[in-house]
Amino acid sequence: MPNMNGYEFCKMVKQQFETSHIPVVMLTANSTIEQQIEGLEKGADAYIAKPFDIELLDSTVKSVLNNREKIRERFAGGSKDEEFYNKFTKKDIEFINQLKLFIDNNIENYELNVQFISDHFAMSKSHLTRKTKALTGLTPNNLVKSVRLKKAYDLIKNEGLRVAEVAELTGFIDPNYFTVCFSKEFGKNPSKI
């Protein structure tokens, strides 16, 4: 590679906010333990030395992607598990935590959508969507809906509020649409909780 080696490139990808969520598998002729450790310390998700077996590469890529899917599920669920958080860069964790806090703080706002969020974070809608989907498995709109519905479930179950009140408190304009979304998410009508 001109101008930089693979270790420097990996470090650059993992340090930049725009690309830190992208998984990296290093495939290199550098096969010493020290070089492998350096690659992993620079942020590589996996390290494979040449010559390599194509099945090993295939299994490694599948494993990295499978682990990312599990991580997305845990992010969407709001896990605080330390081992889980060690799998992401600090910037990605801060971004998701700030995003969820922003959603929580604006949950009643009917205008909470991709444009509203991207304006707040000073990023394009497409970049916000790519990064959010890569980290959580959900688009920003679906993440907002998921957070709203979880909050609604909590309000109905623990506060005993009426469905129309909860719909309004969680940013749903139409109580009927809220009921449809709630039923789809939790498998039961909100009035039956």
N, C-alpha and C. Protein backbone atom coordinates (compact mmCIF):
# COMPACT_ATOMS: atom_id res chain seq x y z
N MET A 1 0.84 -1.18 0.00
CA MET A 1 0.00 0.00 0.00
C MET A 1 0.89 1.25 0.00
N PRO A 2 0.62 2.17 -0.88
CA PRO A 2 1.42 3.40 -0.87
C PRO A 2 1.03 4.30 0.30
N ASN A 3 2.01 5.02 0.83
CA ASN A 3 1.83 6.04 1.88
C ASN A 3 1.58 5.50 3.28
N MET A 4 1.10 4.29 3.43
CA MET A 4 0.89 3.73 4.77
C MET A 4 0.82 2.21 4.68
N ASN A 5 1.08 1.55 5.79
CA ASN A 5 0.96 0.09 5.80
C ASN A 5 -0.42 -0.31 6.32
N GLY A 6 -0.69 -1.60 6.33
CA GLY A 6 -2.00 -2.10 6.74
C GLY A 6 -2.34 -1.78 8.18
N TYR A 7 -1.33 -1.79 9.06
CA TYR A 7 -1.56 -1.47 10.47
C TYR A 7 -2.01 -0.01 10.61
N GLU A 8 -1.32 0.89 9.90
CA GLU A 8 -1.68 2.31 9.95
C GLU A 8 -3.07 2.53 9.37
N PHE A 9 -3.37 1.82 8.27
CA PHE A 9 -4.69 1.95 7.65
C PHE A 9 -5.78 1.48 8.60
N CYS A 10 -5.56 0.33 9.23
CA CYS A 10 -6.53 -0.21 10.19
C CYS A 10 -6.75 0.78 11.33
N LYS A 11 -5.66 1.32 11.86
CA LYS A 11 -5.77 2.28 12.96
C LYS A 11 -6.56 3.51 12.51
N MET A 12 -6.30 3.99 11.29
CA MET A 12 -7.00 5.17 10.77
C MET A 12 -8.50 4.89 10.64
N VAL A 13 -8.85 3.71 10.11
CA VAL A 13 -10.27 3.34 9.95
C VAL A 13 -10.96 3.30 11.30
N LYS A 14 -10.30 2.71 12.27
CA LYS A 14 -10.92 2.52 13.59
C LYS A 14 -10.96 3.81 14.42
N GLN A 15 -10.10 4.78 14.12
CA GLN A 15 -10.08 6.01 14.90
C GLN A 15 -11.03 7.08 14.37
N GLN A 16 -11.42 6.98 13.10
CA GLN A 16 -12.29 8.00 12.53
C GLN A 16 -13.75 7.66 12.80
N PHE A 17 -14.49 8.64 13.27
CA PHE A 17 -15.89 8.45 13.62
C PHE A 17 -16.70 7.88 12.46
N GLU A 18 -16.43 8.36 11.25
CA GLU A 18 -17.21 7.96 10.09
C GLU A 18 -17.03 6.49 9.72
N THR A 19 -15.89 5.90 10.11
CA THR A 19 -15.59 4.52 9.69
C THR A 19 -15.33 3.55 10.84
N SER A 20 -15.37 4.03 12.06
CA SER A 20 -14.98 3.20 13.21
C SER A 20 -15.86 1.96 13.40
N HIS A 21 -17.06 1.97 12.84
CA HIS A 21 -17.98 0.84 13.01
C HIS A 21 -17.73 -0.28 12.00
N ILE A 22 -16.87 -0.07 11.02
CA ILE A 22 -16.64 -1.05 9.96
C ILE A 22 -15.71 -2.15 10.47
N PRO A 23 -16.13 -3.42 10.38
CA PRO A 23 -15.26 -4.51 10.82
C PRO A 23 -14.05 -4.64 9.89
N VAL A 24 -12.89 -4.98 10.46
CA VAL A 24 -11.66 -5.13 9.69
C VAL A 24 -11.07 -6.51 9.95
N VAL A 25 -10.82 -7.25 8.87
CA VAL A 25 -10.10 -8.52 8.94
C VAL A 25 -8.78 -8.29 8.22
N MET A 26 -7.68 -8.39 8.95
CA MET A 26 -6.37 -8.20 8.33
C MET A 26 -5.92 -9.51 7.71
N LEU A 27 -5.54 -9.45 6.46
CA LEU A 27 -5.05 -10.60 5.70
C LEU A 27 -3.66 -10.22 5.23
N THR A 28 -2.62 -10.81 5.82
CA THR A 28 -1.27 -10.32 5.59
C THR A 28 -0.22 -11.42 5.63
N ALA A 29 0.93 -11.14 5.05
CA ALA A 29 2.06 -12.07 5.09
C ALA A 29 2.81 -11.96 6.40
N ASN A 30 2.54 -10.93 7.18
CA ASN A 30 3.19 -10.76 8.48
C ASN A 30 2.60 -11.77 9.46
N SER A 31 3.39 -12.79 9.80
CA SER A 31 2.80 -13.90 10.55
C SER A 31 3.38 -14.10 11.95
N THR A 32 4.26 -13.22 12.40
CA THR A 32 4.79 -13.43 13.74
C THR A 32 3.72 -13.05 14.77
N ILE A 33 3.86 -13.60 15.94
CA ILE A 33 2.92 -13.31 17.02
C ILE A 33 2.91 -11.81 17.32
N GLU A 34 4.07 -11.17 17.33
CA GLU A 34 4.16 -9.74 17.60
C GLU A 34 3.37 -8.94 16.56
N GLN A 35 3.48 -9.33 15.29
CA GLN A 35 2.77 -8.63 14.22
C GLN A 35 1.26 -8.85 14.34
N GLN A 36 0.87 -10.05 14.71
CA GLN A 36 -0.56 -10.33 14.91
C GLN A 36 -1.11 -9.51 16.07
N ILE A 37 -0.34 -9.43 17.14
CA ILE A 37 -0.75 -8.63 18.29
C ILE A 37 -0.88 -7.16 17.89
N GLU A 38 0.09 -6.67 17.11
CA GLU A 38 0.04 -5.28 16.67
C GLU A 38 -1.23 -5.02 15.84
N GLY A 39 -1.56 -5.94 14.95
CA GLY A 39 -2.77 -5.79 14.13
C GLY A 39 -4.03 -5.72 14.98
N LEU A 40 -4.11 -6.59 15.96
CA LEU A 40 -5.28 -6.59 16.84
C LEU A 40 -5.31 -5.35 17.72
N GLU A 41 -4.14 -4.88 18.16
CA GLU A 41 -4.08 -3.66 18.97
C GLU A 41 -4.46 -2.42 18.16
N LYS A 42 -4.26 -2.47 16.86
CA LYS A 42 -4.64 -1.34 15.99
C LYS A 42 -6.14 -1.34 15.71
N GLY A 43 -6.84 -2.40 16.15
CA GLY A 43 -8.29 -2.41 16.03
C GLY A 43 -8.85 -3.47 15.11
N ALA A 44 -8.01 -4.31 14.51
CA ALA A 44 -8.53 -5.36 13.63
C ALA A 44 -9.44 -6.29 14.41
N ASP A 45 -10.52 -6.71 13.78
CA ASP A 45 -11.44 -7.65 14.41
C ASP A 45 -10.93 -9.09 14.30
N ALA A 46 -10.10 -9.34 13.30
CA ALA A 46 -9.48 -10.65 13.12
C ALA A 46 -8.20 -10.47 12.33
N TYR A 47 -7.30 -11.45 12.44
CA TYR A 47 -6.00 -11.38 11.78
C TYR A 47 -5.72 -12.75 11.19
N ILE A 48 -5.49 -12.80 9.89
CA ILE A 48 -5.19 -14.05 9.21
C ILE A 48 -3.87 -13.89 8.46
N ALA A 49 -2.93 -14.82 8.70
CA ALA A 49 -1.63 -14.77 8.05
C ALA A 49 -1.65 -15.60 6.77
N LYS A 50 -0.91 -15.11 5.76
CA LYS A 50 -0.75 -15.84 4.51
C LYS A 50 0.36 -16.87 4.70
N PRO A 51 0.35 -17.95 4.01
CA PRO A 51 -0.74 -18.43 3.17
C PRO A 51 -1.92 -18.84 4.05
N PHE A 52 -3.11 -18.71 3.52
CA PHE A 52 -4.30 -18.98 4.31
C PHE A 52 -5.20 -19.94 3.56
N ASP A 53 -6.06 -20.57 4.32
CA ASP A 53 -7.05 -21.47 3.75
C ASP A 53 -8.33 -20.66 3.53
N ILE A 54 -8.92 -20.79 2.36
CA ILE A 54 -10.12 -20.02 2.02
C ILE A 54 -11.27 -20.32 2.99
N GLU A 55 -11.35 -21.55 3.48
CA GLU A 55 -12.39 -21.89 4.45
C GLU A 55 -12.18 -21.15 5.77
N LEU A 56 -10.91 -20.98 6.16
CA LEU A 56 -10.61 -20.23 7.37
C LEU A 56 -11.03 -18.77 7.20
N LEU A 57 -10.71 -18.19 6.04
CA LEU A 57 -11.12 -16.80 5.77
C LEU A 57 -12.63 -16.68 5.79
N ASP A 58 -13.31 -17.62 5.12
CA ASP A 58 -14.77 -17.60 5.07
C ASP A 58 -15.37 -17.71 6.47
N SER A 59 -14.86 -18.63 7.27
CA SER A 59 -15.36 -18.81 8.64
C SER A 59 -15.08 -17.59 9.50
N THR A 60 -13.92 -16.98 9.32
CA THR A 60 -13.57 -15.79 10.09
C THR A 60 -14.51 -14.64 9.77
N VAL A 61 -14.74 -14.41 8.49
CA VAL A 61 -15.63 -13.33 8.08
C VAL A 61 -17.04 -13.58 8.61
N LYS A 62 -17.52 -14.82 8.49
CA LYS A 62 -18.85 -15.15 9.01
C LYS A 62 -18.92 -14.94 10.52
N SER A 63 -17.87 -15.32 11.22
CA SER A 63 -17.83 -15.15 12.67
C SER A 63 -17.85 -13.68 13.06
N VAL A 64 -17.04 -12.87 12.38
CA VAL A 64 -17.01 -11.43 12.67
C VAL A 64 -18.39 -10.81 12.43
N LEU A 65 -19.01 -11.17 11.30
CA LEU A 65 -20.33 -10.62 10.99
C LEU A 65 -21.39 -11.12 11.96
N ASN A 66 -21.30 -12.39 12.34
CA ASN A 66 -22.24 -12.95 13.31
C ASN A 66 -22.09 -12.26 14.67
N ASN A 67 -20.85 -12.03 15.08
CA ASN A 67 -20.62 -11.32 16.35
C ASN A 67 -21.15 -9.90 16.28
N ARG A 68 -21.00 -9.25 15.14
CA ARG A 68 -21.54 -7.90 14.98
C ARG A 68 -23.05 -7.90 15.11
N GLU A 69 -23.69 -8.93 14.57
CA GLU A 69 -25.15 -9.03 14.67
C GLU A 69 -25.57 -9.18 16.13
N LYS A 70 -24.84 -9.99 16.89
CA LYS A 70 -25.14 -10.14 18.32
C LYS A 70 -24.94 -8.82 19.06
N ILE A 71 -23.89 -8.11 18.67
CA ILE A 71 -23.61 -6.82 19.30
C ILE A 71 -24.73 -5.84 18.99
N ARG A 72 -25.21 -5.82 17.74
CA ARG A 72 -26.32 -4.93 17.37
C ARG A 72 -27.54 -5.22 18.23
N GLU A 73 -27.83 -6.50 18.41
CA GLU A 73 -28.99 -6.88 19.23
C GLU A 73 -28.83 -6.37 20.66
N ARG A 74 -27.63 -6.46 21.18
CA ARG A 74 -27.40 -6.02 22.55
C ARG A 74 -27.45 -4.50 22.65
N PHE A 75 -26.93 -3.80 21.62
CA PHE A 75 -27.05 -2.34 21.60
C PHE A 75 -28.51 -1.94 21.58
N ALA A 76 -29.28 -2.58 20.74
CA ALA A 76 -30.71 -2.24 20.63
C ALA A 76 -31.42 -2.50 21.95
N GLY A 77 -30.94 -3.49 22.71
CA GLY A 77 -31.54 -3.81 23.99
C GLY A 77 -31.01 -2.99 25.14
N GLY A 78 -29.97 -2.17 24.89
CA GLY A 78 -29.44 -1.30 25.93
C GLY A 78 -28.55 -2.01 26.94
N SER A 79 -27.84 -3.06 26.52
CA SER A 79 -26.98 -3.81 27.44
C SER A 79 -25.88 -2.94 28.02
N LYS A 80 -25.51 -3.22 29.26
CA LYS A 80 -24.43 -2.52 29.92
C LYS A 80 -23.25 -3.46 30.18
N ASP A 81 -23.28 -4.65 29.61
CA ASP A 81 -22.27 -5.67 29.82
C ASP A 81 -20.89 -5.17 29.38
N GLU A 82 -19.90 -5.23 30.28
CA GLU A 82 -18.57 -4.69 29.98
C GLU A 82 -17.89 -5.42 28.83
N GLU A 83 -17.99 -6.74 28.79
CA GLU A 83 -17.37 -7.51 27.70
C GLU A 83 -17.95 -7.09 26.36
N PHE A 84 -19.23 -6.85 26.32
CA PHE A 84 -19.90 -6.40 25.11
C PHE A 84 -19.35 -5.05 24.66
N TYR A 85 -19.21 -4.11 25.57
CA TYR A 85 -18.73 -2.78 25.23
C TYR A 85 -17.27 -2.79 24.77
N ASN A 86 -16.49 -3.77 25.18
CA ASN A 86 -15.10 -3.85 24.75
C ASN A 86 -14.96 -4.21 23.28
N LYS A 87 -16.03 -4.63 22.63
CA LYS A 87 -15.98 -5.02 21.23
C LYS A 87 -16.15 -3.85 20.29
N PHE A 88 -16.49 -2.67 20.80
CA PHE A 88 -16.67 -1.48 19.98
C PHE A 88 -15.65 -0.42 20.35
N THR A 89 -15.42 0.48 19.42
CA THR A 89 -14.54 1.60 19.74
C THR A 89 -15.25 2.53 20.71
N LYS A 90 -14.47 3.30 21.42
CA LYS A 90 -15.03 4.25 22.38
C LYS A 90 -15.94 5.25 21.67
N LYS A 91 -15.55 5.67 20.47
CA LYS A 91 -16.35 6.64 19.71
C LYS A 91 -17.72 6.06 19.35
N ASP A 92 -17.76 4.78 18.97
CA ASP A 92 -19.03 4.16 18.62
C ASP A 92 -19.94 4.04 19.83
N ILE A 93 -19.37 3.67 20.97
CA ILE A 93 -20.15 3.54 22.20
C ILE A 93 -20.69 4.90 22.62
N GLU A 94 -19.84 5.93 22.56
CA GLU A 94 -20.28 7.28 22.90
C GLU A 94 -21.39 7.74 21.97
N PHE A 95 -21.24 7.45 20.67
CA PHE A 95 -22.26 7.86 19.70
C PHE A 95 -23.60 7.21 20.02
N ILE A 96 -23.62 5.90 20.21
CA ILE A 96 -24.88 5.22 20.48
C ILE A 96 -25.48 5.69 21.80
N ASN A 97 -24.65 5.88 22.81
CA ASN A 97 -25.17 6.37 24.09
C ASN A 97 -25.75 7.78 23.95
N GLN A 98 -25.06 8.65 23.20
CA GLN A 98 -25.57 10.00 22.97
C GLN A 98 -26.85 9.97 22.14
N LEU A 99 -26.89 9.08 21.15
CA LEU A 99 -28.08 8.96 20.31
C LEU A 99 -29.27 8.50 21.14
N LYS A 100 -29.09 7.48 21.96
CA LYS A 100 -30.19 7.00 22.80
C LYS A 100 -30.63 8.06 23.81
N LEU A 101 -29.68 8.79 24.38
CA LEU A 101 -30.02 9.85 25.32
C LEU A 101 -30.80 10.96 24.60
N PHE A 102 -30.38 11.31 23.39
CA PHE A 102 -31.08 12.33 22.62
C PHE A 102 -32.52 11.88 22.32
N ILE A 103 -32.67 10.61 21.96
CA ILE A 103 -34.02 10.08 21.69
C ILE A 103 -34.86 10.12 22.96
N ASP A 104 -34.28 9.67 24.07
CA ASP A 104 -35.01 9.70 25.35
C ASP A 104 -35.44 11.12 25.73
N ASN A 105 -34.54 12.07 25.54
CA ASN A 105 -34.83 13.46 25.91
C ASN A 105 -35.85 14.12 24.99
N ASN A 106 -36.05 13.56 23.81
CA ASN A 106 -36.98 14.14 22.84
C ASN A 106 -38.13 13.19 22.50
N ILE A 107 -38.38 12.23 23.36
CA ILE A 107 -39.34 11.17 23.06
C ILE A 107 -40.75 11.68 22.81
N GLU A 108 -41.12 12.79 23.41
CA GLU A 108 -42.48 13.34 23.23
C GLU A 108 -42.60 14.15 21.94
N ASN A 109 -41.48 14.49 21.33
CA ASN A 109 -41.46 15.35 20.15
C ASN A 109 -41.93 14.58 18.92
N TYR A 110 -43.05 15.00 18.34
CA TYR A 110 -43.58 14.34 17.15
C TYR A 110 -42.63 14.46 15.96
N GLU A 111 -41.78 15.47 15.98
CA GLU A 111 -40.87 15.72 14.86
C GLU A 111 -39.54 15.00 14.99
N LEU A 112 -39.42 14.11 15.96
CA LEU A 112 -38.19 13.34 16.14
C LEU A 112 -38.08 12.33 15.00
N ASN A 113 -37.26 12.66 14.01
CA ASN A 113 -37.06 11.80 12.85
C ASN A 113 -35.61 11.88 12.40
N VAL A 114 -35.28 11.27 11.27
CA VAL A 114 -33.90 11.23 10.79
C VAL A 114 -33.35 12.64 10.59
N GLN A 115 -34.13 13.52 9.99
CA GLN A 115 -33.64 14.88 9.73
C GLN A 115 -33.36 15.61 11.04
N PHE A 116 -34.25 15.50 11.99
CA PHE A 116 -34.10 16.15 13.30
C PHE A 116 -32.83 15.65 14.00
N ILE A 117 -32.63 14.34 13.96
CA ILE A 117 -31.46 13.74 14.61
C ILE A 117 -30.18 14.12 13.87
N SER A 118 -30.20 14.03 12.54
CA SER A 118 -28.98 14.36 11.77
C SER A 118 -28.61 15.82 11.95
N ASP A 119 -29.58 16.71 12.06
CA ASP A 119 -29.28 18.12 12.34
C ASP A 119 -28.60 18.27 13.69
N HIS A 120 -29.10 17.57 14.69
CA HIS A 120 -28.52 17.65 16.03
C HIS A 120 -27.07 17.15 16.04
N PHE A 121 -26.81 16.04 15.36
CA PHE A 121 -25.46 15.46 15.35
C PHE A 121 -24.57 16.02 14.24
N ALA A 122 -25.10 16.95 13.46
CA ALA A 122 -24.34 17.60 12.38
C ALA A 122 -23.73 16.58 11.43
N MET A 123 -24.57 15.67 10.97
CA MET A 123 -24.14 14.69 9.97
C MET A 123 -25.25 14.50 8.96
N SER A 124 -24.89 14.01 7.80
CA SER A 124 -25.91 13.81 6.77
C SER A 124 -26.86 12.68 7.19
N LYS A 125 -28.06 12.71 6.63
CA LYS A 125 -29.04 11.66 6.93
C LYS A 125 -28.51 10.30 6.51
N SER A 126 -27.85 10.24 5.35
CA SER A 126 -27.35 8.95 4.87
C SER A 126 -26.24 8.42 5.77
N HIS A 127 -25.36 9.29 6.26
CA HIS A 127 -24.29 8.84 7.15
C HIS A 127 -24.86 8.39 8.50
N LEU A 128 -25.82 9.15 9.01
CA LEU A 128 -26.48 8.77 10.26
C LEU A 128 -27.15 7.40 10.11
N THR A 129 -27.82 7.19 9.00
CA THR A 129 -28.51 5.92 8.77
C THR A 129 -27.51 4.78 8.67
N ARG A 130 -26.43 4.96 7.91
CA ARG A 130 -25.41 3.89 7.77
C ARG A 130 -24.80 3.54 9.12
N LYS A 131 -24.40 4.55 9.88
CA LYS A 131 -23.72 4.30 11.15
C LYS A 131 -24.68 3.67 12.17
N THR A 132 -25.89 4.20 12.26
CA THR A 132 -26.86 3.66 13.21
C THR A 132 -27.21 2.22 12.86
N LYS A 133 -27.43 1.96 11.58
CA LYS A 133 -27.77 0.60 11.16
C LYS A 133 -26.62 -0.36 11.39
N ALA A 134 -25.38 0.09 11.14
CA ALA A 134 -24.22 -0.77 11.37
C ALA A 134 -24.04 -1.11 12.85
N LEU A 135 -24.37 -0.18 13.73
CA LEU A 135 -24.16 -0.40 15.16
C LEU A 135 -25.34 -1.06 15.85
N THR A 136 -26.56 -0.77 15.41
CA THR A 136 -27.74 -1.28 16.12
C THR A 136 -28.55 -2.28 15.31
N GLY A 137 -28.32 -2.31 14.00
CA GLY A 137 -29.14 -3.15 13.13
C GLY A 137 -30.46 -2.50 12.77
N LEU A 138 -30.69 -1.28 13.24
CA LEU A 138 -31.94 -0.56 12.99
C LEU A 138 -31.65 0.77 12.30
N THR A 139 -32.57 1.19 11.46
CA THR A 139 -32.47 2.54 10.91
C THR A 139 -32.76 3.52 12.05
N PRO A 140 -32.39 4.79 11.91
CA PRO A 140 -32.70 5.75 12.97
C PRO A 140 -34.19 5.82 13.29
N ASN A 141 -35.05 5.81 12.26
CA ASN A 141 -36.49 5.86 12.51
C ASN A 141 -36.97 4.63 13.28
N ASN A 142 -36.46 3.46 12.92
CA ASN A 142 -36.86 2.24 13.63
C ASN A 142 -36.30 2.22 15.05
N LEU A 143 -35.11 2.78 15.24
CA LEU A 143 -34.56 2.87 16.59
C LEU A 143 -35.43 3.79 17.44
N VAL A 144 -35.83 4.93 16.88
CA VAL A 144 -36.72 5.85 17.60
C VAL A 144 -38.01 5.14 17.97
N LYS A 145 -38.60 4.43 17.00
CA LYS A 145 -39.86 3.73 17.27
C LYS A 145 -39.67 2.67 18.36
N SER A 146 -38.55 1.94 18.30
CA SER A 146 -38.28 0.92 19.30
C SER A 146 -38.15 1.52 20.70
N VAL A 147 -37.42 2.62 20.82
CA VAL A 147 -37.24 3.29 22.12
C VAL A 147 -38.59 3.80 22.62
N ARG A 148 -39.36 4.38 21.71
CA ARG A 148 -40.69 4.89 22.09
C ARG A 148 -41.59 3.77 22.60
N LEU A 149 -41.59 2.66 21.89
CA LEU A 149 -42.47 1.56 22.27
C LEU A 149 -42.04 0.92 23.60
N LYS A 150 -40.74 0.81 23.84
CA LYS A 150 -40.28 0.28 25.13
C LYS A 150 -40.67 1.20 26.27
N LYS A 151 -40.55 2.50 26.03
CA LYS A 151 -40.97 3.48 27.03
C LYS A 151 -42.49 3.38 27.26
N ALA A 152 -43.23 3.23 26.17
CA ALA A 152 -44.69 3.11 26.27
C ALA A 152 -45.07 1.88 27.08
N TYR A 153 -44.42 0.78 26.82
CA TYR A 153 -44.70 -0.45 27.56
C TYR A 153 -44.48 -0.21 29.06
N ASP A 154 -43.36 0.44 29.37
CA ASP A 154 -43.05 0.73 30.77
C ASP A 154 -44.11 1.64 31.40
N LEU A 155 -44.53 2.66 30.68
CA LEU A 155 -45.54 3.59 31.20
C LEU A 155 -46.89 2.90 31.44
N ILE A 156 -47.27 2.03 30.53
CA ILE A 156 -48.55 1.32 30.69
C ILE A 156 -48.47 0.33 31.84
N LYS A 157 -47.41 -0.44 31.87
CA LYS A 157 -47.29 -1.50 32.87
C LYS A 157 -47.05 -0.94 34.28
N ASN A 158 -46.15 0.04 34.39
CA ASN A 158 -45.75 0.51 35.72
C ASN A 158 -46.47 1.76 36.20
N GLU A 159 -46.97 2.57 35.28
CA GLU A 159 -47.64 3.81 35.68
C GLU A 159 -49.16 3.72 35.55
N GLY A 160 -49.64 2.71 34.84
CA GLY A 160 -51.08 2.53 34.69
C GLY A 160 -51.76 3.61 33.86
N LEU A 161 -51.03 4.24 32.96
CA LEU A 161 -51.61 5.30 32.14
C LEU A 161 -52.47 4.72 31.02
N ARG A 162 -53.40 5.54 30.54
CA ARG A 162 -54.27 5.14 29.43
C ARG A 162 -53.47 5.13 28.13
N VAL A 163 -53.94 4.36 27.16
CA VAL A 163 -53.26 4.19 25.88
C VAL A 163 -53.08 5.53 25.17
N ALA A 164 -54.12 6.34 25.13
CA ALA A 164 -54.03 7.64 24.44
C ALA A 164 -52.99 8.55 25.10
N GLU A 165 -52.92 8.52 26.44
CA GLU A 165 -51.92 9.33 27.16
C GLU A 165 -50.51 8.86 26.83
N VAL A 166 -50.34 7.56 26.84
CA VAL A 166 -49.01 6.99 26.58
C VAL A 166 -48.59 7.28 25.14
N ALA A 167 -49.51 7.18 24.21
CA ALA A 167 -49.20 7.49 22.81
C ALA A 167 -48.67 8.92 22.72
N GLU A 168 -49.34 9.84 23.37
CA GLU A 168 -48.91 11.25 23.33
C GLU A 168 -47.56 11.44 24.02
N LEU A 169 -47.38 10.82 25.17
CA LEU A 169 -46.13 10.96 25.93
C LEU A 169 -44.92 10.35 25.22
N THR A 170 -45.17 9.45 24.28
CA THR A 170 -44.06 8.81 23.56
C THR A 170 -43.95 9.28 22.11
N GLY A 171 -44.64 10.36 21.77
CA GLY A 171 -44.45 10.98 20.47
C GLY A 171 -45.25 10.43 19.32
N PHE A 172 -46.26 9.65 19.59
CA PHE A 172 -47.13 9.14 18.53
C PHE A 172 -48.30 10.11 18.36
N ILE A 173 -48.49 10.58 17.14
CA ILE A 173 -49.58 11.53 16.86
C ILE A 173 -50.93 10.82 16.89
N ASP A 174 -50.97 9.63 16.33
CA ASP A 174 -52.21 8.89 16.16
C ASP A 174 -52.26 7.70 17.12
N PRO A 175 -53.17 7.68 18.09
CA PRO A 175 -53.27 6.56 19.02
C PRO A 175 -53.54 5.22 18.33
N ASN A 176 -54.26 5.25 17.21
CA ASN A 176 -54.52 4.01 16.49
C ASN A 176 -53.23 3.44 15.89
N TYR A 177 -52.40 4.31 15.31
CA TYR A 177 -51.12 3.88 14.77
C TYR A 177 -50.24 3.35 15.90
N PHE A 178 -50.28 4.04 17.05
CA PHE A 178 -49.54 3.59 18.22
C PHE A 178 -49.96 2.17 18.60
N THR A 179 -51.26 1.91 18.64
CA THR A 179 -51.78 0.59 19.01
C THR A 179 -51.31 -0.48 18.03
N VAL A 180 -51.30 -0.16 16.74
CA VAL A 180 -50.84 -1.11 15.73
C VAL A 180 -49.35 -1.42 15.94
N CYS A 181 -48.54 -0.37 16.13
CA CYS A 181 -47.09 -0.57 16.33
C CYS A 181 -46.82 -1.35 17.61
N PHE A 182 -47.53 -1.00 18.67
CA PHE A 182 -47.35 -1.67 19.96
C PHE A 182 -47.69 -3.15 19.84
N SER A 183 -48.82 -3.44 19.21
CA SER A 183 -49.26 -4.84 19.05
C SER A 183 -48.26 -5.63 18.22
N LYS A 184 -47.72 -5.01 17.21
CA LYS A 184 -46.73 -5.67 16.35
C LYS A 184 -45.44 -5.94 17.13
N GLU A 185 -45.02 -4.98 17.95
CA GLU A 185 -43.77 -5.10 18.71
C GLU A 185 -43.88 -6.11 19.85
N PHE A 186 -44.99 -6.09 20.58
CA PHE A 186 -45.10 -6.91 21.79
C PHE A 186 -46.10 -8.06 21.70
N GLY A 187 -46.79 -8.15 20.57
CA GLY A 187 -47.71 -9.28 20.38
C GLY A 187 -49.01 -9.17 21.17
N LYS A 188 -49.28 -8.02 21.73
CA LYS A 188 -50.55 -7.82 22.44
C LYS A 188 -50.95 -6.37 22.40
N ASN A 189 -52.23 -6.15 22.49
CA ASN A 189 -52.79 -4.81 22.47
C ASN A 189 -52.36 -4.08 23.74
N PRO A 190 -52.01 -2.78 23.63
CA PRO A 190 -51.56 -2.05 24.83
C PRO A 190 -52.61 -1.99 25.94
N SER A 191 -53.87 -2.06 25.60
CA SER A 191 -54.92 -2.03 26.64
C SER A 191 -54.99 -3.35 27.41
N LYS A 192 -54.29 -4.38 26.94
CA LYS A 192 -54.31 -5.69 27.61
C LYS A 192 -53.09 -5.90 28.51
N ILE A 193 -52.23 -4.90 28.64
CA ILE A 193 -51.02 -5.04 29.47
C ILE A 193 -51.37 -4.87 30.94
